[in-house]
C-alpha atoms as a PDB file:
ATOM      1  CA  UNK A   1     -24.847  47.243  22.370  1.00  0.00           C
ATOM      2  CA  UNK A   2     -25.572  47.294  25.890  1.00  0.00           C
ATOM      3  CA  UNK A   3     -22.700  44.894  26.897  1.00  0.00           C
ATOM      4  CA  UNK A   4     -20.176  46.552  24.747  1.00  0.00           C
ATOM      5  CA  UNK A   5     -16.742  46.809  26.508  1.00  0.00           C
ATOM      6  CA  UNK A   6     -14.554  49.881  25.942  1.00  0.00           C
ATOM      7  CA  UNK A   7     -10.841  48.294  26.270  1.00  0.00           C
ATOM      8  CA  UNK A   8      -9.170  52.006  26.387  1.00  0.00           C
ATOM      9  CA  UNK A   9     -11.478  53.099  29.459  1.00  0.00           C
ATOM     10  CA  UNK A  10      -9.356  52.803  32.503  1.00  0.00           C
ATOM     11  CA  UNK A  11     -12.855  53.234  34.655  1.00  0.00           C
ATOM     12  CA  UNK A  12     -14.250  50.224  32.935  1.00  0.00           C
ATOM     13  CA  UNK A  13     -15.782  47.724  35.283  1.00  0.00           C
ATOM     14  CA  UNK A  14     -16.253  43.916  34.087  1.00  0.00           C
ATOM     15  CA  UNK A  15     -18.261  41.532  36.015  1.00  0.00           C
ATOM     16  CA  UNK A  16     -18.285  37.828  35.508  1.00  0.00           C
ATOM     17  CA  UNK A  17     -21.006  35.660  36.652  1.00  0.00           C
ATOM     18  CA  UNK A  18     -21.315  31.658  37.007  1.00  0.00           C
ATOM     19  CA  UNK A  19     -24.914  30.597  35.686  1.00  0.00           C
ATOM     20  CA  UNK A  20     -26.590  27.560  35.215  1.00  0.00           C
ATOM     21  CA  UNK A  21     -27.228  26.057  31.269  1.00  0.00           C
ATOM     22  CA  UNK A  22     -30.960  26.298  32.025  1.00  0.00           C
ATOM     23  CA  UNK A  23     -30.500  29.960  33.344  1.00  0.00           C
ATOM     24  CA  UNK A  24     -28.820  31.168  30.022  1.00  0.00           C
ATOM     25  CA  UNK A  25     -30.824  29.079  27.525  1.00  0.00           C
ATOM     26  CA  UNK A  26     -28.265  27.661  25.542  1.00  0.00           C
ATOM     27  CA  UNK A  27     -27.599  24.175  23.711  1.00  0.00           C
ATOM     28  CA  UNK A  28     -26.450  21.889  26.993  1.00  0.00           C
ATOM     29  CA  UNK A  29     -24.440  19.905  24.455  1.00  0.00           C
ATOM     30  CA  UNK A  30     -22.229  22.719  22.959  1.00  0.00           C
ATOM     31  CA  UNK A  31     -21.929  24.251  26.572  1.00  0.00           C
ATOM     32  CA  UNK A  32     -20.572  20.717  27.885  1.00  0.00           C
ATOM     33  CA  UNK A  33     -18.434  20.571  24.712  1.00  0.00           C
ATOM     34  CA  UNK A  34     -16.652  23.913  26.152  1.00  0.00           C
ATOM     35  CA  UNK A  35     -16.086  22.479  29.583  1.00  0.00           C
ATOM     36  CA  UNK A  36     -14.921  19.057  28.750  1.00  0.00           C
ATOM     37  CA  UNK A  37     -12.687  19.838  25.660  1.00  0.00           C
ATOM     38  CA  UNK A  38      -9.020  18.637  26.039  1.00  0.00           C
ATOM     39  CA  UNK A  39      -5.946  19.885  24.256  1.00  0.00           C
ATOM     40  CA  UNK A  40      -2.440  19.121  23.988  1.00  0.00           C
ATOM     41  CA  UNK A  41      -0.201  21.478  25.795  1.00  0.00           C
ATOM     42  CA  UNK A  42       2.318  21.745  23.386  1.00  0.00           C
ATOM     43  CA  UNK A  43       5.392  23.632  24.317  1.00  0.00           C
ATOM     44  CA  UNK A  44       3.931  24.162  27.940  1.00  0.00           C
ATOM     45  CA  UNK A  45       4.102  20.668  28.538  1.00  0.00           C
ATOM     46  CA  UNK A  46       6.688  20.474  31.642  1.00  0.00           C
ATOM     47  CA  UNK A  47       6.283  23.924  32.383  1.00  0.00           C
ATOM     48  CA  UNK A  48       5.576  25.011  35.891  1.00  0.00           C
ATOM     49  CA  UNK A  49       1.780  25.992  36.852  1.00  0.00           C
ATOM     50  CA  UNK A  50       1.394  29.071  38.840  1.00  0.00           C
ATOM     51  CA  UNK A  51       0.995  27.977  42.707  1.00  0.00           C
ATOM     52  CA  UNK A  52      -2.212  30.141  43.032  1.00  0.00           C
ATOM     53  CA  UNK A  53      -3.992  28.151  40.219  1.00  0.00           C
ATOM     54  CA  UNK A  54      -5.137  25.338  42.685  1.00  0.00           C
ATOM     55  CA  UNK A  55      -3.711  22.523  39.809  1.00  0.00           C
ATOM     56  CA  UNK A  56      -3.828  18.868  41.080  1.00  0.00           C
ATOM     57  CA  UNK A  57      -0.268  19.148  39.344  1.00  0.00           C
ATOM     58  CA  UNK A  58       2.743  21.721  39.658  1.00  0.00           C
ATOM     59  CA  UNK A  59       3.557  21.293  35.955  1.00  0.00           C
ATOM     60  CA  UNK A  60       1.531  21.076  32.863  1.00  0.00           C
ATOM     61  CA  UNK A  61       0.867  17.666  31.537  1.00  0.00           C
ATOM     62  CA  UNK A  62       1.004  16.695  27.812  1.00  0.00           C
ATOM     63  CA  UNK A  63      -2.719  16.939  27.721  1.00  0.00           C
ATOM     64  CA  UNK A  64      -5.506  18.843  29.981  1.00  0.00           C
ATOM     65  CA  UNK A  65      -8.850  20.463  29.778  1.00  0.00           C
ATOM     66  CA  UNK A  66      -8.607  23.483  27.297  1.00  0.00           C
ATOM     67  CA  UNK A  67     -10.316  25.783  29.664  1.00  0.00           C
ATOM     68  CA  UNK A  68      -7.578  25.053  32.360  1.00  0.00           C
ATOM     69  CA  UNK A  69      -4.604  25.239  29.784  1.00  0.00           C
ATOM     70  CA  UNK A  70      -5.893  28.618  29.150  1.00  0.00           C
ATOM     71  CA  UNK A  71      -6.590  29.821  32.575  1.00  0.00           C
ATOM     72  CA  UNK A  72      -3.217  28.620  34.118  1.00  0.00           C
ATOM     73  CA  UNK A  73      -1.337  29.892  30.927  1.00  0.00           C
ATOM     74  CA  UNK A  74      -2.910  33.388  31.366  1.00  0.00           C
ATOM     75  CA  UNK A  75      -2.245  33.452  35.071  1.00  0.00           C
ATOM     76  CA  UNK A  76       1.037  32.843  34.568  1.00  0.00           C
ATOM     77  CA  UNK A  77       1.109  35.677  31.730  1.00  0.00           C
ATOM     78  CA  UNK A  78      -0.155  38.032  34.410  1.00  0.00           C
ATOM     79  CA  UNK A  79       2.384  37.175  37.240  1.00  0.00           C
ATOM     80  CA  UNK A  80       5.303  37.756  34.875  1.00  0.00           C
ATOM     81  CA  UNK A  81       3.701  41.143  34.045  1.00  0.00           C
ATOM     82  CA  UNK A  82       3.346  42.102  37.747  1.00  0.00           C
ATOM     83  CA  UNK A  83       6.955  41.015  38.068  1.00  0.00           C
ATOM     84  CA  UNK A  84       8.575  42.990  35.683  1.00  0.00           C
END
């Protein structure tokens, strides 16, 4: 597996890249489903969004784009880890 990531290797490097749908040769409908999917925020509704996330609001709404909910939520977890 040439793209295997060893999670226990402290010297590992991960490079993320943004590519066009045409370039990665995937189903455009499925790719857009990921980008446009909305989810209910549930228990994080009304909680503060980390200020560095470039959000249009300071608090989680009742519903939002799934990718943003995950991105903002994970960012908040990292902030808590760094603070501790």
